[in-house]
Amino acid sequence: SIVFDNYGLPMMFMDKTQPEILENVQAWIHLQHQV
């Protein structure tokens, strides 16, 4: 997988998709909404 933010900036390359990292990214996004 190749992961981009919602504005098209490349964030990370995953030679094998890593759900744990993506879950942490989603938690980071959720925290932005909370604050």
PDB file of all heavy atoms in Angstrom:
ATOM      1  N   SER A   1       0.824  -1.209   0.000  1.00  0.00           N
ATOM      2  CA  SER A   1       0.000   0.000   0.000  1.00  0.00           C
ATOM      3  C   SER A   1       0.857   1.256   0.000  1.00  0.00           C
ATOM      4  O   SER A   1       1.959   1.276   0.568  1.00  0.00           O
ATOM      5  CB  SER A   1      -0.923   0.038   1.229  1.00  0.00           C
ATOM      6  OG  SER A   1      -1.901  -0.989   1.184  1.00  0.00           O
ATOM      7  N   ILE A   2       0.337   2.295  -0.642  1.00  0.00           N
ATOM      8  CA  ILE A   2       0.894   3.639  -0.563  1.00  0.00           C
ATOM      9  C   ILE A   2      -0.172   4.527   0.056  1.00  0.00           C
ATOM     10  O   ILE A   2      -1.327   4.533  -0.393  1.00  0.00           O
ATOM     11  CB  ILE A   2       1.304   4.178  -1.943  1.00  0.00           C
ATOM     12  CG1 ILE A   2       2.326   3.249  -2.608  1.00  0.00           C
ATOM     13  CG2 ILE A   2       1.882   5.590  -1.815  1.00  0.00           C
ATOM     14  CD1 ILE A   2       2.731   3.671  -4.012  1.00  0.00           C
ATOM     15  N   VAL A   3       0.201   5.264   1.107  1.00  0.00           N
ATOM     16  CA  VAL A   3      -0.757   6.045   1.888  1.00  0.00           C
ATOM     17  C   VAL A   3      -0.491   7.536   1.656  1.00  0.00           C
ATOM     18  O   VAL A   3       0.654   7.997   1.743  1.00  0.00           O
ATOM     19  CB  VAL A   3      -0.644   5.720   3.390  1.00  0.00           C
ATOM     20  CG1 VAL A   3      -1.704   6.483   4.182  1.00  0.00           C
ATOM     21  CG2 VAL A   3      -0.792   4.209   3.618  1.00  0.00           C
ATOM     22  N   PHE A   4      -1.558   8.279   1.352  1.00  0.00           N
ATOM     23  CA  PHE A   4      -1.503   9.727   1.173  1.00  0.00           C
ATOM     24  C   PHE A   4      -2.435  10.392   2.182  1.00  0.00           C
ATOM     25  O   PHE A   4      -3.421   9.786   2.617  1.00  0.00           O
ATOM     26  CB  PHE A   4      -1.978  10.125  -0.229  1.00  0.00           C
ATOM     27  CG  PHE A   4      -1.157   9.573  -1.358  1.00  0.00           C
ATOM     28  CD1 PHE A   4      -1.368   8.280  -1.831  1.00  0.00           C
ATOM     29  CD2 PHE A   4      -0.190  10.347  -1.975  1.00  0.00           C
ATOM     30  CE1 PHE A   4      -0.623   7.776  -2.887  1.00  0.00           C
ATOM     31  CE2 PHE A   4       0.567   9.854  -3.028  1.00  0.00           C
ATOM     32  CZ  PHE A   4       0.347   8.563  -3.486  1.00  0.00           C
ATOM     33  N   ASP A   5      -2.139  11.637   2.535  1.00  0.00           N
ATOM     34  CA  ASP A   5      -3.131  12.377   3.298  1.00  0.00           C
ATOM     35  C   ASP A   5      -4.211  12.868   2.341  1.00  0.00           C
ATOM     36  O   ASP A   5      -4.139  12.650   1.126  1.00  0.00           O
ATOM     37  CB  ASP A   5      -2.494  13.518   4.106  1.00  0.00           C
ATOM     38  CG  ASP A   5      -2.115  14.736   3.277  1.00  0.00           C
ATOM     39  OD1 ASP A   5      -2.260  14.719   2.036  1.00  0.00           O
ATOM     40  OD2 ASP A   5      -1.655  15.728   3.872  1.00  0.00           O
ATOM     41  N   ASN A   6      -5.259  13.485   2.884  1.00  0.00           N
ATOM     42  CA  ASN A   6      -6.395  13.843   2.039  1.00  0.00           C
ATOM     43  C   ASN A   6      -6.106  14.987   1.073  1.00  0.00           C
ATOM     44  O   ASN A   6      -6.937  15.320   0.233  1.00  0.00           O
ATOM     45  CB  ASN A   6      -7.614  14.184   2.892  1.00  0.00           C
ATOM     46  CG  ASN A   6      -7.377  15.353   3.828  1.00  0.00           C
ATOM     47  OD1 ASN A   6      -6.695  15.198   4.837  1.00  0.00           O
ATOM     48  ND2 ASN A   6      -7.934  16.510   3.522  1.00  0.00           N
ATOM     49  N   TYR A   7      -4.907  15.572   1.158  1.00  0.00           N
ATOM     50  CA  TYR A   7      -4.523  16.624   0.211  1.00  0.00           C
ATOM     51  C   TYR A   7      -3.485  16.151  -0.808  1.00  0.00           C
ATOM     52  O   TYR A   7      -2.924  16.958  -1.544  1.00  0.00           O
ATOM     53  CB  TYR A   7      -3.992  17.839   0.979  1.00  0.00           C
ATOM     54  CG  TYR A   7      -5.049  18.506   1.821  1.00  0.00           C
ATOM     55  CD1 TYR A   7      -4.935  18.560   3.207  1.00  0.00           C
ATOM     56  CD2 TYR A   7      -6.179  19.077   1.234  1.00  0.00           C
ATOM     57  CE1 TYR A   7      -5.921  19.168   3.979  1.00  0.00           C
ATOM     58  CE2 TYR A   7      -7.165  19.688   2.004  1.00  0.00           C
ATOM     59  CZ  TYR A   7      -7.022  19.733   3.372  1.00  0.00           C
ATOM     60  OH  TYR A   7      -8.000  20.338   4.127  1.00  0.00           O
ATOM     61  N   GLY A   8      -3.221  14.836  -0.853  1.00  0.00           N
ATOM     62  CA  GLY A   8      -2.341  14.289  -1.870  1.00  0.00           C
ATOM     63  C   GLY A   8      -0.887  14.198  -1.502  1.00  0.00           C
ATOM     64  O   GLY A   8      -0.052  13.833  -2.337  1.00  0.00           O
ATOM     65  N   LEU A   9      -0.537  14.490  -0.253  1.00  0.00           N
ATOM     66  CA  LEU A   9       0.858  14.363   0.174  1.00  0.00           C
ATOM     67  C   LEU A   9       1.151  12.908   0.542  1.00  0.00           C
ATOM     68  O   LEU A   9       0.434  12.313   1.353  1.00  0.00           O
ATOM     69  CB  LEU A   9       1.141  15.255   1.379  1.00  0.00           C
ATOM     70  CG  LEU A   9       1.164  16.766   1.115  1.00  0.00           C
ATOM     71  CD1 LEU A   9       1.145  17.534   2.423  1.00  0.00           C
ATOM     72  CD2 LEU A   9       2.407  17.136   0.321  1.00  0.00           C
ATOM     73  N   PRO A  10       2.194  12.303  -0.042  1.00  0.00           N
ATOM     74  CA  PRO A  10       2.522  10.921   0.323  1.00  0.00           C
ATOM     75  C   PRO A  10       2.976  10.846   1.773  1.00  0.00           C
ATOM     76  O   PRO A  10       3.805  11.642   2.217  1.00  0.00           O
ATOM     77  CB  PRO A  10       3.652  10.554  -0.650  1.00  0.00           C
ATOM     78  CG  PRO A  10       4.231  11.855  -1.081  1.00  0.00           C
ATOM     79  CD  PRO A  10       3.130  12.853  -1.052  1.00  0.00           C
ATOM     80  N   MET A  11       2.433   9.895   2.502  1.00  0.00           N
ATOM     81  CA  MET A  11       2.751   9.742   3.919  1.00  0.00           C
ATOM     82  C   MET A  11       3.674   8.562   4.184  1.00  0.00           C
ATOM     83  O   MET A  11       4.614   8.666   4.961  1.00  0.00           O
ATOM     84  CB  MET A  11       1.462   9.569   4.734  1.00  0.00           C
ATOM     85  CG  MET A  11       0.560  10.779   4.759  1.00  0.00           C
ATOM     86  SD  MET A  11      -0.979  10.471   5.678  1.00  0.00           S
ATOM     87  CE  MET A  11      -0.358  10.228   7.347  1.00  0.00           C
ATOM     88  N   MET A  12       3.376   7.423   3.553  1.00  0.00           N
ATOM     89  CA  MET A  12       4.192   6.242   3.838  1.00  0.00           C
ATOM     90  C   MET A  12       4.001   5.185   2.765  1.00  0.00           C
ATOM     91  O   MET A  12       2.960   5.118   2.106  1.00  0.00           O
ATOM     92  CB  MET A  12       3.860   5.663   5.214  1.00  0.00           C
ATOM     93  CG  MET A  12       2.431   5.208   5.382  1.00  0.00           C
ATOM     94  SD  MET A  12       2.036   4.799   7.116  1.00  0.00           S
ATOM     95  CE  MET A  12       1.757   6.442   7.797  1.00  0.00           C
ATOM     96  N   PHE A  13       5.052   4.388   2.582  1.00  0.00           N
ATOM     97  CA  PHE A  13       5.011   3.217   1.717  1.00  0.00           C
ATOM     98  C   PHE A  13       4.996   1.987   2.606  1.00  0.00           C
ATOM     99  O   PHE A  13       5.766   1.896   3.568  1.00  0.00           O
ATOM    100  CB  PHE A  13       6.235   3.171   0.802  1.00  0.00           C
ATOM    101  CG  PHE A  13       6.374   4.376  -0.083  1.00  0.00           C
ATOM    102  CD1 PHE A  13       7.384   5.293   0.151  1.00  0.00           C
ATOM    103  CD2 PHE A  13       5.505   4.589  -1.137  1.00  0.00           C
ATOM    104  CE1 PHE A  13       7.543   6.400  -0.674  1.00  0.00           C
ATOM    105  CE2 PHE A  13       5.640   5.696  -1.955  1.00  0.00           C
ATOM    106  CZ  PHE A  13       6.654   6.609  -1.721  1.00  0.00           C
ATOM    107  N   MET A  14       4.153   1.027   2.256  1.00  0.00           N
ATOM    108  CA  MET A  14       4.061  -0.205   3.034  1.00  0.00           C
ATOM    109  C   MET A  14       4.280  -1.379   2.090  1.00  0.00           C
ATOM    110  O   MET A  14       3.380  -1.728   1.313  1.00  0.00           O
ATOM    111  CB  MET A  14       2.692  -0.311   3.717  1.00  0.00           C
ATOM    112  CG  MET A  14       2.444   0.749   4.759  1.00  0.00           C
ATOM    113  SD  MET A  14       0.824   0.533   5.561  1.00  0.00           S
ATOM    114  CE  MET A  14       1.004   1.691   6.936  1.00  0.00           C
ATOM    115  N   ASP A  15       5.469  -1.974   2.137  1.00  0.00           N
ATOM    116  CA  ASP A  15       5.734  -3.139   1.286  1.00  0.00           C
ATOM    117  C   ASP A  15       4.746  -4.261   1.621  1.00  0.00           C
ATOM    118  O   ASP A  15       4.448  -5.100   0.761  1.00  0.00           O
ATOM    119  CB  ASP A  15       7.162  -3.626   1.487  1.00  0.00           C
ATOM    120  CG  ASP A  15       8.181  -2.594   0.999  1.00  0.00           C
ATOM    121  OD1 ASP A  15       7.777  -1.616   0.332  1.00  0.00           O
ATOM    122  OD2 ASP A  15       9.380  -2.768   1.287  1.00  0.00           O
ATOM    123  N   LYS A  16       4.281  -4.249   2.843  1.00  0.00           N
ATOM    124  CA  LYS A  16       3.177  -5.109   3.265  1.00  0.00           C
ATOM    125  C   LYS A  16       2.272  -4.254   4.139  1.00  0.00           C
ATOM    126  O   LYS A  16       2.747  -3.620   5.091  1.00  0.00           O
ATOM    127  CB  LYS A  16       3.692  -6.324   4.041  1.00  0.00           C
ATOM    128  CG  LYS A  16       2.613  -7.325   4.414  1.00  0.00           C
ATOM    129  CD  LYS A  16       3.225  -8.574   5.045  1.00  0.00           C
ATOM    130  CE  LYS A  16       2.170  -9.624   5.347  1.00  0.00           C
ATOM    131  NZ  LYS A  16       2.765 -10.860   5.898  1.00  0.00           N
ATOM    132  N   THR A  17       0.996  -4.198   3.800  1.00  0.00           N
ATOM    133  CA  THR A  17       0.065  -3.322   4.513  1.00  0.00           C
ATOM    134  C   THR A  17       0.117  -3.588   6.008  1.00  0.00           C
ATOM    135  O   THR A  17       0.055  -4.740   6.457  1.00  0.00           O
ATOM    136  CB  THR A  17      -1.370  -3.528   3.987  1.00  0.00           C
ATOM    137  OG1 THR A  17      -1.373  -3.308   2.569  1.00  0.00           O
ATOM    138  CG2 THR A  17      -2.343  -2.566   4.650  1.00  0.00           C
ATOM    139  N   GLN A  18       0.226  -2.501   6.788  1.00  0.00           N
ATOM    140  CA  GLN A  18       0.354  -2.607   8.237  1.00  0.00           C
ATOM    141  C   GLN A  18      -0.868  -1.987   8.916  1.00  0.00           C
ATOM    142  O   GLN A  18      -0.926  -0.780   9.125  1.00  0.00           O
ATOM    143  CB  GLN A  18       1.629  -1.892   8.696  1.00  0.00           C
ATOM    144  CG  GLN A  18       2.907  -2.476   8.135  1.00  0.00           C
ATOM    145  CD  GLN A  18       3.128  -3.911   8.602  1.00  0.00           C
ATOM    146  OE1 GLN A  18       2.834  -4.258   9.746  1.00  0.00           O
ATOM    147  NE2 GLN A  18       3.627  -4.749   7.711  1.00  0.00           N
ATOM    148  N   PRO A  19      -1.866  -2.804   9.267  1.00  0.00           N
ATOM    149  CA  PRO A  19      -3.080  -2.251   9.875  1.00  0.00           C
ATOM    150  C   PRO A  19      -2.827  -1.552  11.199  1.00  0.00           C
ATOM    151  O   PRO A  19      -3.520  -0.583  11.527  1.00  0.00           O
ATOM    152  CB  PRO A  19      -3.991  -3.478  10.055  1.00  0.00           C
ATOM    153  CG  PRO A  19      -3.088  -4.665   9.954  1.00  0.00           C
ATOM    154  CD  PRO A  19      -1.962  -4.268   9.071  1.00  0.00           C
ATOM    155  N   GLU A  20      -1.826  -2.000  11.963  1.00  0.00           N
ATOM    156  CA  GLU A  20      -1.561  -1.379  13.257  1.00  0.00           C
ATOM    157  C   GLU A  20      -1.145   0.084  13.083  1.00  0.00           C
ATOM    158  O   GLU A  20      -1.589   0.959  13.836  1.00  0.00           O
ATOM    159  CB  GLU A  20      -0.471  -2.151  14.004  1.00  0.00           C
ATOM    160  CG  GLU A  20      -0.808  -3.615  14.289  1.00  0.00           C
ATOM    161  CD  GLU A  20      -0.481  -4.541  13.130  1.00  0.00           C
ATOM    162  OE1 GLU A  20       0.003  -4.039  12.087  1.00  0.00           O
ATOM    163  OE2 GLU A  20      -0.722  -5.751  13.254  1.00  0.00           O
ATOM    164  N   ILE A  21      -0.297   0.338  12.100  1.00  0.00           N
ATOM    165  CA  ILE A  21       0.138   1.717  11.849  1.00  0.00           C
ATOM    166  C   ILE A  21      -1.037   2.566  11.378  1.00  0.00           C
ATOM    167  O   ILE A  21      -1.220   3.708  11.821  1.00  0.00           O
ATOM    168  CB  ILE A  21       1.275   1.733  10.811  1.00  0.00           C
ATOM    169  CG1 ILE A  21       2.520   1.037  11.390  1.00  0.00           C
ATOM    170  CG2 ILE A  21       1.607   3.164  10.386  1.00  0.00           C
ATOM    171  CD1 ILE A  21       3.659   0.901  10.400  1.00  0.00           C
ATOM    172  N   LEU A  22      -1.853   2.022  10.485  1.00  0.00           N
ATOM    173  CA  LEU A  22      -2.995   2.776   9.968  1.00  0.00           C
ATOM    174  C   LEU A  22      -4.035   3.038  11.055  1.00  0.00           C
ATOM    175  O   LEU A  22      -4.694   4.087  11.058  1.00  0.00           O
ATOM    176  CB  LEU A  22      -3.610   2.036   8.787  1.00  0.00           C
ATOM    177  CG  LEU A  22      -2.712   2.001   7.544  1.00  0.00           C
ATOM    178  CD1 LEU A  22      -3.257   1.031   6.500  1.00  0.00           C
ATOM    179  CD2 LEU A  22      -2.561   3.394   6.951  1.00  0.00           C
ATOM    180  N   GLU A  23      -4.169   2.105  11.979  1.00  0.00           N
ATOM    181  CA  GLU A  23      -5.068   2.338  13.124  1.00  0.00           C
ATOM    182  C   GLU A  23      -4.544   3.507  13.961  1.00  0.00           C
ATOM    183  O   GLU A  23      -5.324   4.350  14.433  1.00  0.00           O
ATOM    184  CB  GLU A  23      -5.166   1.072  13.984  1.00  0.00           C
ATOM    185  CG  GLU A  23      -5.887  -0.080  13.317  1.00  0.00           C
ATOM    186  CD  GLU A  23      -7.359  -0.128  13.678  1.00  0.00           C
ATOM    187  OE1 GLU A  23      -7.749   0.517  14.670  1.00  0.00           O
ATOM    188  OE2 GLU A  23      -8.115  -0.803  12.964  1.00  0.00           O
ATOM    189  N   ASN A  24      -3.247   3.590  14.155  1.00  0.00           N
ATOM    190  CA  ASN A  24      -2.670   4.700  14.910  1.00  0.00           C
ATOM    191  C   ASN A  24      -2.872   6.030  14.185  1.00  0.00           C
ATOM    192  O   ASN A  24      -3.121   7.067  14.818  1.00  0.00           O
ATOM    193  CB  ASN A  24      -1.173   4.460  15.147  1.00  0.00           C
ATOM    194  CG  ASN A  24      -0.919   3.400  16.204  1.00  0.00           C
ATOM    195  OD1 ASN A  24      -1.775   3.138  17.036  1.00  0.00           O
ATOM    196  ND2 ASN A  24       0.247   2.787  16.155  1.00  0.00           N
ATOM    197  N   VAL A  25      -2.763   6.008  12.867  1.00  0.00           N
ATOM    198  CA  VAL A  25      -3.012   7.224  12.089  1.00  0.00           C
ATOM    199  C   VAL A  25      -4.458   7.670  12.267  1.00  0.00           C
ATOM    200  O   VAL A  25      -4.742   8.871  12.432  1.00  0.00           O
ATOM    201  CB  VAL A  25      -2.694   6.983  10.597  1.00  0.00           C
ATOM    202  CG1 VAL A  25      -3.187   8.154   9.745  1.00  0.00           C
ATOM    203  CG2 VAL A  25      -1.202   6.772  10.393  1.00  0.00           C
ATOM    204  N   GLN A  26      -5.379   6.729  12.255  1.00  0.00           N
ATOM    205  CA  GLN A  26      -6.791   7.083  12.452  1.00  0.00           C
ATOM    206  C   GLN A  26      -7.033   7.644  13.852  1.00  0.00           C
ATOM    207  O   GLN A  26      -7.837   8.571  14.031  1.00  0.00           O
ATOM    208  CB  GLN A  26      -7.681   5.861  12.202  1.00  0.00           C
ATOM    209  CG  GLN A  26      -7.703   5.393  10.755  1.00  0.00           C
ATOM    210  CD  GLN A  26      -8.282   6.425   9.804  1.00  0.00           C
ATOM    211  OE1 GLN A  26      -9.135   7.236  10.176  1.00  0.00           O
ATOM    212  NE2 GLN A  26      -7.823   6.401   8.559  1.00  0.00           N
ATOM    213  N   ALA A  27      -6.339   7.102  14.838  1.00  0.00           N
ATOM    214  CA  ALA A  27      -6.461   7.652  16.191  1.00  0.00           C
ATOM    215  C   ALA A  27      -5.921   9.077  16.247  1.00  0.00           C
ATOM    216  O   ALA A  27      -6.483   9.942  16.926  1.00  0.00           O
ATOM    217  CB  ALA A  27      -5.705   6.754  17.179  1.00  0.00           C
ATOM    218  N   TRP A  28      -4.853   9.342  15.512  1.00  0.00           N
ATOM    219  CA  TRP A  28      -4.269  10.684  15.429  1.00  0.00           C
ATOM    220  C   TRP A  28      -5.258  11.653  14.782  1.00  0.00           C
ATOM    221  O   TRP A  28      -5.426  12.785  15.239  1.00  0.00           O
ATOM    222  CB  TRP A  28      -2.976  10.589  14.631  1.00  0.00           C
ATOM    223  CG  TRP A  28      -2.304  11.876  14.288  1.00  0.00           C
ATOM    224  CD1 TRP A  28      -1.677  12.744  15.130  1.00  0.00           C
ATOM    225  CD2 TRP A  28      -2.153  12.426  12.974  1.00  0.00           C
ATOM    226  NE1 TRP A  28      -1.153  13.807  14.432  1.00  0.00           N
ATOM    227  CE2 TRP A  28      -1.429  13.631  13.098  1.00  0.00           C
ATOM    228  CE3 TRP A  28      -2.545  12.007  11.699  1.00  0.00           C
ATOM    229  CZ2 TRP A  28      -1.107  14.430  11.997  1.00  0.00           C
ATOM    230  CZ3 TRP A  28      -2.227  12.791  10.613  1.00  0.00           C
ATOM    231  CH2 TRP A  28      -1.515  14.001  10.781  1.00  0.00           C
ATOM    232  N   ILE A  29      -5.945  11.192  13.723  1.00  0.00           N
ATOM    233  CA  ILE A  29      -6.960  12.024  13.075  1.00  0.00           C
ATOM    234  C   ILE A  29      -8.120  12.296  14.029  1.00  0.00           C
ATOM    235  O   ILE A  29      -8.608  13.428  14.144  1.00  0.00           O
ATOM    236  CB  ILE A  29      -7.463  11.346  11.787  1.00  0.00           C
ATOM    237  CG1 ILE A  29      -6.335  11.306  10.743  1.00  0.00           C
ATOM    238  CG2 ILE A  29      -8.692  12.065  11.231  1.00  0.00           C
ATOM    239  CD1 ILE A  29      -6.669  10.486   9.508  1.00  0.00           C
ATOM    240  N   HIS A  30      -8.545  11.269  14.748  1.00  0.00           N
ATOM    241  CA  HIS A  30      -9.650  11.428  15.697  1.00  0.00           C
ATOM    242  C   HIS A  30      -9.280  12.428  16.785  1.00  0.00           C
ATOM    243  O   HIS A  30     -10.109  13.260  17.193  1.00  0.00           O
ATOM    244  CB  HIS A  30      -9.998  10.073  16.303  1.00  0.00           C
ATOM    245  CG  HIS A  30     -11.134  10.122  17.280  1.00  0.00           C
ATOM    246  ND1 HIS A  30     -12.421  10.468  16.919  1.00  0.00           N
ATOM    247  CD2 HIS A  30     -11.185   9.887  18.615  1.00  0.00           C
ATOM    248  CE1 HIS A  30     -13.218  10.436  17.973  1.00  0.00           C
ATOM    249  NE2 HIS A  30     -12.489  10.085  19.014  1.00  0.00           N
ATOM    250  N   LEU A  31      -8.032  12.386  17.243  1.00  0.00           N
ATOM    251  CA  LEU A  31      -7.583  13.327  18.272  1.00  0.00           C
ATOM    252  C   LEU A  31      -7.650  14.762  17.758  1.00  0.00           C
ATOM    253  O   LEU A  31      -8.010  15.686  18.511  1.00  0.00           O
ATOM    254  CB  LEU A  31      -6.155  12.979  18.700  1.00  0.00           C
ATOM    255  CG  LEU A  31      -5.531  13.879  19.764  1.00  0.00           C
ATOM    256  CD1 LEU A  31      -6.357  13.846  21.056  1.00  0.00           C
ATOM    257  CD2 LEU A  31      -4.089  13.445  20.041  1.00  0.00           C
ATOM    258  N   GLN A  32      -7.324  14.963  16.487  1.00  0.00           N
ATOM    259  CA  GLN A  32      -7.429  16.306  15.912  1.00  0.00           C
ATOM    260  C   GLN A  32      -8.865  16.832  16.013  1.00  0.00           C
ATOM    261  O   GLN A  32      -9.088  18.006  16.330  1.00  0.00           O
ATOM    262  CB  GLN A  32      -6.982  16.285  14.451  1.00  0.00           C
ATOM    263  CG  GLN A  32      -5.504  15.994  14.254  1.00  0.00           C
ATOM    264  CD  GLN A  32      -5.152  15.923  12.793  1.00  0.00           C
ATOM    265  OE1 GLN A  32      -5.508  16.793  12.006  1.00  0.00           O
ATOM    266  NE2 GLN A  32      -4.434  14.882  12.399  1.00  0.00           N
ATOM    267  N   HIS A  33      -9.818  15.974  15.744  1.00  0.00           N
ATOM    268  CA  HIS A  33     -11.221  16.380  15.865  1.00  0.00           C
ATOM    269  C   HIS A  33     -11.573  16.689  17.318  1.00  0.00           C
ATOM    270  O   HIS A  33     -12.319  17.635  17.602  1.00  0.00           O
ATOM    271  CB  HIS A  33     -12.141  15.281  15.320  1.00  0.00           C
ATOM    272  CG  HIS A  33     -12.186  15.211  13.821  1.00  0.00           C
ATOM    273  ND1 HIS A  33     -13.070  15.944  13.068  1.00  0.00           N
ATOM    274  CD2 HIS A  33     -11.439  14.499  12.941  1.00  0.00           C
ATOM    275  CE1 HIS A  33     -12.877  15.694  11.781  1.00  0.00           C
ATOM    276  NE2 HIS A  33     -11.898  14.815  11.677  1.00  0.00           N
ATOM    277  N   GLN A  34     -11.035  15.914  18.236  1.00  0.00           N
ATOM    278  CA  GLN A  34     -11.354  16.110  19.651  1.00  0.00           C
ATOM    279  C   GLN A  34     -10.843  17.439  20.177  1.00  0.00           C
ATOM    280  O   GLN A  34     -11.490  18.095  20.997  1.00  0.00           O
ATOM    281  CB  GLN A  34     -10.780  14.958  20.478  1.00  0.00           C
ATOM    282  CG  GLN A  34     -11.522  13.645  20.296  1.00  0.00           C
ATOM    283  CD  GLN A  34     -10.949  12.553  21.175  1.00  0.00           C
ATOM    284  OE1 GLN A  34      -9.738  12.346  21.224  1.00  0.00           O
ATOM    285  NE2 GLN A  34     -11.816  11.863  21.889  1.00  0.00           N
ATOM    286  N   VAL A  35      -9.672  17.867  19.710  1.00  0.00           N
ATOM    287  CA  VAL A  35      -9.099  19.115  20.204  1.00  0.00           C
ATOM    288  C   VAL A  35      -9.445  20.303  19.310  1.00  0.00           C
ATOM    289  O   VAL A  35      -9.055  21.440  19.599  1.00  0.00           O
ATOM    290  CB  VAL A  35      -7.563  19.004  20.358  1.00  0.00           C
ATOM    291  CG1 VAL A  35      -7.204  17.900  21.329  1.00  0.00           C
ATOM    292  CG2 VAL A  35      -6.883  18.778  19.011  1.00  0.00           C
TER     293      VAL A  35
END
